[in-house]
N, C-alpha and C. Protein backbone atom coordinates (compact mmCIF):
# COMPACT_ATOMS: atom_id res chain seq x y z
N MET A 1 -8.63 4.31 -0.91
CA MET A 1 -8.00 3.04 -0.66
C MET A 1 -7.13 2.68 -1.86
N PRO A 2 -5.93 2.17 -1.60
CA PRO A 2 -5.04 1.83 -2.71
C PRO A 2 -5.60 0.67 -3.55
N THR A 3 -5.21 0.64 -4.80
CA THR A 3 -5.63 -0.42 -5.70
C THR A 3 -5.04 -1.76 -5.30
N HIS A 4 -3.78 -1.75 -4.87
CA HIS A 4 -3.07 -2.97 -4.47
C HIS A 4 -2.56 -2.80 -3.05
N MET A 5 -2.50 -3.90 -2.31
CA MET A 5 -2.04 -3.83 -0.92
C MET A 5 -0.60 -3.36 -0.82
N TRP A 6 0.22 -3.67 -1.80
CA TRP A 6 1.62 -3.24 -1.73
C TRP A 6 1.75 -1.73 -1.87
N ASP A 7 0.68 -1.05 -2.28
CA ASP A 7 0.68 0.41 -2.35
C ASP A 7 0.20 1.05 -1.05
N ALA A 8 -0.29 0.24 -0.10
CA ALA A 8 -0.82 0.77 1.16
C ALA A 8 0.32 1.31 2.02
N GLN A 9 0.02 2.34 2.78
CA GLN A 9 0.99 2.91 3.70
C GLN A 9 1.04 2.08 4.97
N ASN A 10 2.19 2.11 5.63
CA ASN A 10 2.34 1.42 6.90
C ASN A 10 1.38 2.05 7.91
N ASP A 11 0.67 1.22 8.65
CA ASP A 11 -0.31 1.68 9.63
C ASP A 11 0.03 1.06 10.98
N ASP A 12 0.38 1.90 11.95
CA ASP A 12 0.73 1.40 13.28
C ASP A 12 -0.38 0.56 13.88
N PHE A 13 -1.63 0.90 13.62
CA PHE A 13 -2.73 0.16 14.22
C PHE A 13 -2.97 -1.18 13.55
N ARG A 14 -2.68 -1.32 12.27
CA ARG A 14 -2.73 -2.65 11.65
C ARG A 14 -1.60 -3.51 12.17
N ASN A 15 -0.43 -2.90 12.36
CA ASN A 15 0.69 -3.63 12.97
C ASN A 15 0.33 -4.04 14.39
N LEU A 16 -0.32 -3.14 15.12
CA LEU A 16 -0.74 -3.44 16.48
C LEU A 16 -1.73 -4.60 16.48
N ALA A 17 -2.66 -4.60 15.55
CA ALA A 17 -3.65 -5.68 15.47
C ALA A 17 -2.95 -7.02 15.27
N ALA A 18 -1.94 -7.06 14.42
CA ALA A 18 -1.20 -8.31 14.19
C ALA A 18 -0.44 -8.72 15.45
N ALA A 19 0.17 -7.76 16.14
CA ALA A 19 0.91 -8.06 17.37
C ALA A 19 -0.03 -8.58 18.45
N VAL A 20 -1.22 -8.00 18.54
CA VAL A 20 -2.21 -8.44 19.53
C VAL A 20 -2.68 -9.85 19.21
N ARG A 21 -2.91 -10.13 17.95
CA ARG A 21 -3.31 -11.49 17.55
C ARG A 21 -2.20 -12.48 17.89
N ASP A 22 -0.96 -12.13 17.59
CA ASP A 22 0.17 -13.01 17.89
C ASP A 22 0.33 -13.22 19.40
N ALA A 23 -0.07 -12.24 20.20
CA ALA A 23 0.05 -12.32 21.66
C ALA A 23 -1.16 -13.02 22.29
N GLY A 24 -2.11 -13.48 21.48
CA GLY A 24 -3.25 -14.21 22.00
C GLY A 24 -4.45 -13.35 22.34
N GLY A 25 -4.49 -12.12 21.83
CA GLY A 25 -5.62 -11.24 22.10
C GLY A 25 -6.88 -11.64 21.36
N TYR A 26 -6.71 -12.23 20.19
CA TYR A 26 -7.82 -12.75 19.40
C TYR A 26 -7.25 -13.78 18.44
N VAL A 27 -8.10 -14.52 17.78
CA VAL A 27 -7.63 -15.55 16.85
C VAL A 27 -7.83 -15.08 15.41
N LYS A 28 -7.01 -15.63 14.53
CA LYS A 28 -7.11 -15.31 13.12
C LYS A 28 -8.49 -15.71 12.61
N SER A 29 -9.04 -14.87 11.75
CA SER A 29 -10.40 -15.07 11.25
C SER A 29 -10.40 -15.13 9.73
N THR A 30 -11.40 -15.79 9.17
CA THR A 30 -11.57 -15.82 7.72
C THR A 30 -12.43 -14.66 7.23
N VAL A 31 -12.89 -13.83 8.15
CA VAL A 31 -13.68 -12.66 7.77
C VAL A 31 -12.80 -11.72 6.95
N PRO A 32 -13.26 -11.33 5.76
CA PRO A 32 -12.45 -10.43 4.94
C PRO A 32 -12.13 -9.12 5.67
N LEU A 33 -10.89 -8.71 5.56
CA LEU A 33 -10.40 -7.44 6.11
C LEU A 33 -10.54 -7.36 7.62
N ALA A 34 -10.49 -8.49 8.30
CA ALA A 34 -10.62 -8.50 9.77
C ALA A 34 -9.56 -7.63 10.42
N ASP A 35 -8.34 -7.64 9.88
CA ASP A 35 -7.27 -6.83 10.49
C ASP A 35 -7.59 -5.35 10.43
N PHE A 36 -8.28 -4.91 9.39
CA PHE A 36 -8.68 -3.51 9.30
C PHE A 36 -9.72 -3.16 10.36
N ARG A 37 -10.62 -4.11 10.64
CA ARG A 37 -11.63 -3.88 11.68
C ARG A 37 -10.98 -3.78 13.05
N TRP A 38 -10.02 -4.66 13.32
CA TRP A 38 -9.30 -4.58 14.59
C TRP A 38 -8.49 -3.29 14.66
N ALA A 39 -7.84 -2.91 13.57
CA ALA A 39 -7.06 -1.67 13.56
C ALA A 39 -7.95 -0.46 13.86
N ALA A 40 -9.12 -0.42 13.26
CA ALA A 40 -10.04 0.69 13.51
C ALA A 40 -10.50 0.70 14.96
N PHE A 41 -10.74 -0.48 15.52
CA PHE A 41 -11.13 -0.61 16.92
C PHE A 41 -10.04 -0.04 17.83
N PHE A 42 -8.79 -0.44 17.60
CA PHE A 42 -7.69 0.06 18.42
C PHE A 42 -7.48 1.56 18.22
N HIS A 43 -7.64 2.02 17.00
CA HIS A 43 -7.48 3.45 16.72
C HIS A 43 -8.52 4.27 17.49
N ALA A 44 -9.70 3.73 17.67
CA ALA A 44 -10.75 4.44 18.40
C ALA A 44 -10.48 4.50 19.90
N HIS A 45 -9.59 3.63 20.39
CA HIS A 45 -9.35 3.56 21.83
C HIS A 45 -7.99 4.08 22.28
N PHE A 46 -7.06 4.20 21.37
CA PHE A 46 -5.71 4.61 21.73
C PHE A 46 -5.21 5.73 20.82
N VAL A 47 -4.31 6.55 21.36
CA VAL A 47 -3.63 7.54 20.53
C VAL A 47 -2.47 6.83 19.82
N PRO A 48 -2.11 7.28 18.65
CA PRO A 48 -1.00 6.63 17.94
C PRO A 48 0.30 6.71 18.74
N PRO A 49 1.05 5.63 18.78
CA PRO A 49 2.32 5.65 19.50
C PRO A 49 3.31 6.56 18.78
N GLN A 50 4.14 7.24 19.55
CA GLN A 50 5.10 8.18 18.98
C GLN A 50 6.48 7.56 18.75
N ASP A 51 6.73 6.42 19.39
CA ASP A 51 8.03 5.76 19.22
C ASP A 51 7.88 4.27 19.53
N ASP A 52 8.96 3.55 19.38
CA ASP A 52 8.92 2.10 19.58
C ASP A 52 8.57 1.72 21.02
N ALA A 53 9.05 2.49 21.97
CA ALA A 53 8.76 2.18 23.38
C ALA A 53 7.26 2.32 23.66
N GLU A 54 6.64 3.37 23.15
CA GLU A 54 5.19 3.54 23.31
C GLU A 54 4.43 2.42 22.61
N TYR A 55 4.89 2.04 21.43
CA TYR A 55 4.24 0.95 20.70
C TYR A 55 4.31 -0.35 21.50
N ASP A 56 5.50 -0.66 22.00
CA ASP A 56 5.68 -1.89 22.79
C ASP A 56 4.79 -1.90 24.04
N ALA A 57 4.68 -0.76 24.71
CA ALA A 57 3.85 -0.65 25.90
C ALA A 57 2.36 -0.78 25.56
N LEU A 58 2.01 -0.38 24.37
CA LEU A 58 0.61 -0.41 23.94
C LEU A 58 0.11 -1.83 23.68
N ILE A 59 1.00 -2.73 23.34
CA ILE A 59 0.58 -4.10 22.99
C ILE A 59 -0.16 -4.76 24.15
N ASP A 60 0.40 -4.70 25.36
CA ASP A 60 -0.27 -5.35 26.50
C ASP A 60 -1.63 -4.73 26.78
N ARG A 61 -1.72 -3.41 26.68
CA ARG A 61 -3.02 -2.74 26.90
C ARG A 61 -4.02 -3.15 25.83
N ALA A 62 -3.54 -3.28 24.60
CA ALA A 62 -4.42 -3.64 23.49
C ALA A 62 -4.88 -5.09 23.61
N VAL A 63 -4.03 -5.98 24.10
CA VAL A 63 -4.44 -7.37 24.32
C VAL A 63 -5.58 -7.41 25.34
N MET A 64 -5.42 -6.67 26.43
CA MET A 64 -6.48 -6.64 27.45
C MET A 64 -7.78 -6.09 26.87
N LEU A 65 -7.69 -5.06 26.04
CA LEU A 65 -8.88 -4.50 25.43
C LEU A 65 -9.51 -5.50 24.46
N ALA A 66 -8.69 -6.19 23.69
CA ALA A 66 -9.20 -7.17 22.72
C ALA A 66 -9.92 -8.32 23.41
N ARG A 67 -9.52 -8.65 24.63
CA ARG A 67 -10.14 -9.76 25.36
C ARG A 67 -11.34 -9.29 26.19
N SER A 68 -11.63 -7.98 26.15
CA SER A 68 -12.74 -7.43 26.94
C SER A 68 -14.04 -7.46 26.15
N ASP A 69 -15.14 -7.21 26.85
CA ASP A 69 -16.45 -7.16 26.20
C ASP A 69 -16.56 -6.03 25.18
N ALA A 70 -15.67 -5.05 25.26
CA ALA A 70 -15.70 -3.94 24.30
C ALA A 70 -15.44 -4.44 22.88
N ALA A 71 -14.74 -5.57 22.75
CA ALA A 71 -14.40 -6.11 21.44
C ALA A 71 -15.39 -7.18 20.96
N LEU A 72 -16.40 -7.44 21.75
CA LEU A 72 -17.40 -8.44 21.39
C LEU A 72 -17.96 -8.15 20.00
N GLY A 73 -17.98 -9.14 19.15
CA GLY A 73 -18.50 -8.97 17.79
C GLY A 73 -17.42 -8.79 16.75
N LEU A 74 -16.20 -8.50 17.17
CA LEU A 74 -15.12 -8.38 16.19
C LEU A 74 -14.67 -9.78 15.77
N PRO A 75 -14.20 -9.92 14.53
CA PRO A 75 -13.81 -11.24 14.05
C PRO A 75 -12.65 -11.81 14.87
N GLY A 76 -12.81 -13.04 15.31
CA GLY A 76 -11.76 -13.70 16.09
C GLY A 76 -11.80 -13.43 17.57
N PHE A 77 -12.82 -12.71 18.03
CA PHE A 77 -12.95 -12.40 19.45
C PHE A 77 -12.98 -13.69 20.26
N ILE A 78 -12.21 -13.73 21.36
CA ILE A 78 -12.21 -14.92 22.20
C ILE A 78 -12.60 -14.63 23.65
N GLY A 79 -12.75 -13.39 24.00
CA GLY A 79 -13.20 -13.04 25.34
C GLY A 79 -12.12 -13.17 26.40
N PRO A 80 -12.52 -12.92 27.63
CA PRO A 80 -11.55 -12.96 28.73
C PRO A 80 -11.07 -14.39 29.01
N GLU A 81 -9.91 -14.45 29.59
CA GLU A 81 -9.36 -15.78 29.94
C GLU A 81 -10.10 -16.38 31.09
């Protein structure tokens, strides 16, 4: 793990976690490193997107997964609508 966050590499799944949160998949949490937990969760369920179109298509699927019981216990979980 890098010493400073600015040394961290870009991670599609951390970006996906932020996009899912912004789309209402879960709420922001005060739990330390919550975005890393969500990123790991999405990484376990999806293959990395190969281009922008795949990434964009993945957001809706990831929102549905974040609102499912599979995400129960993750920080900011809000459950199904």
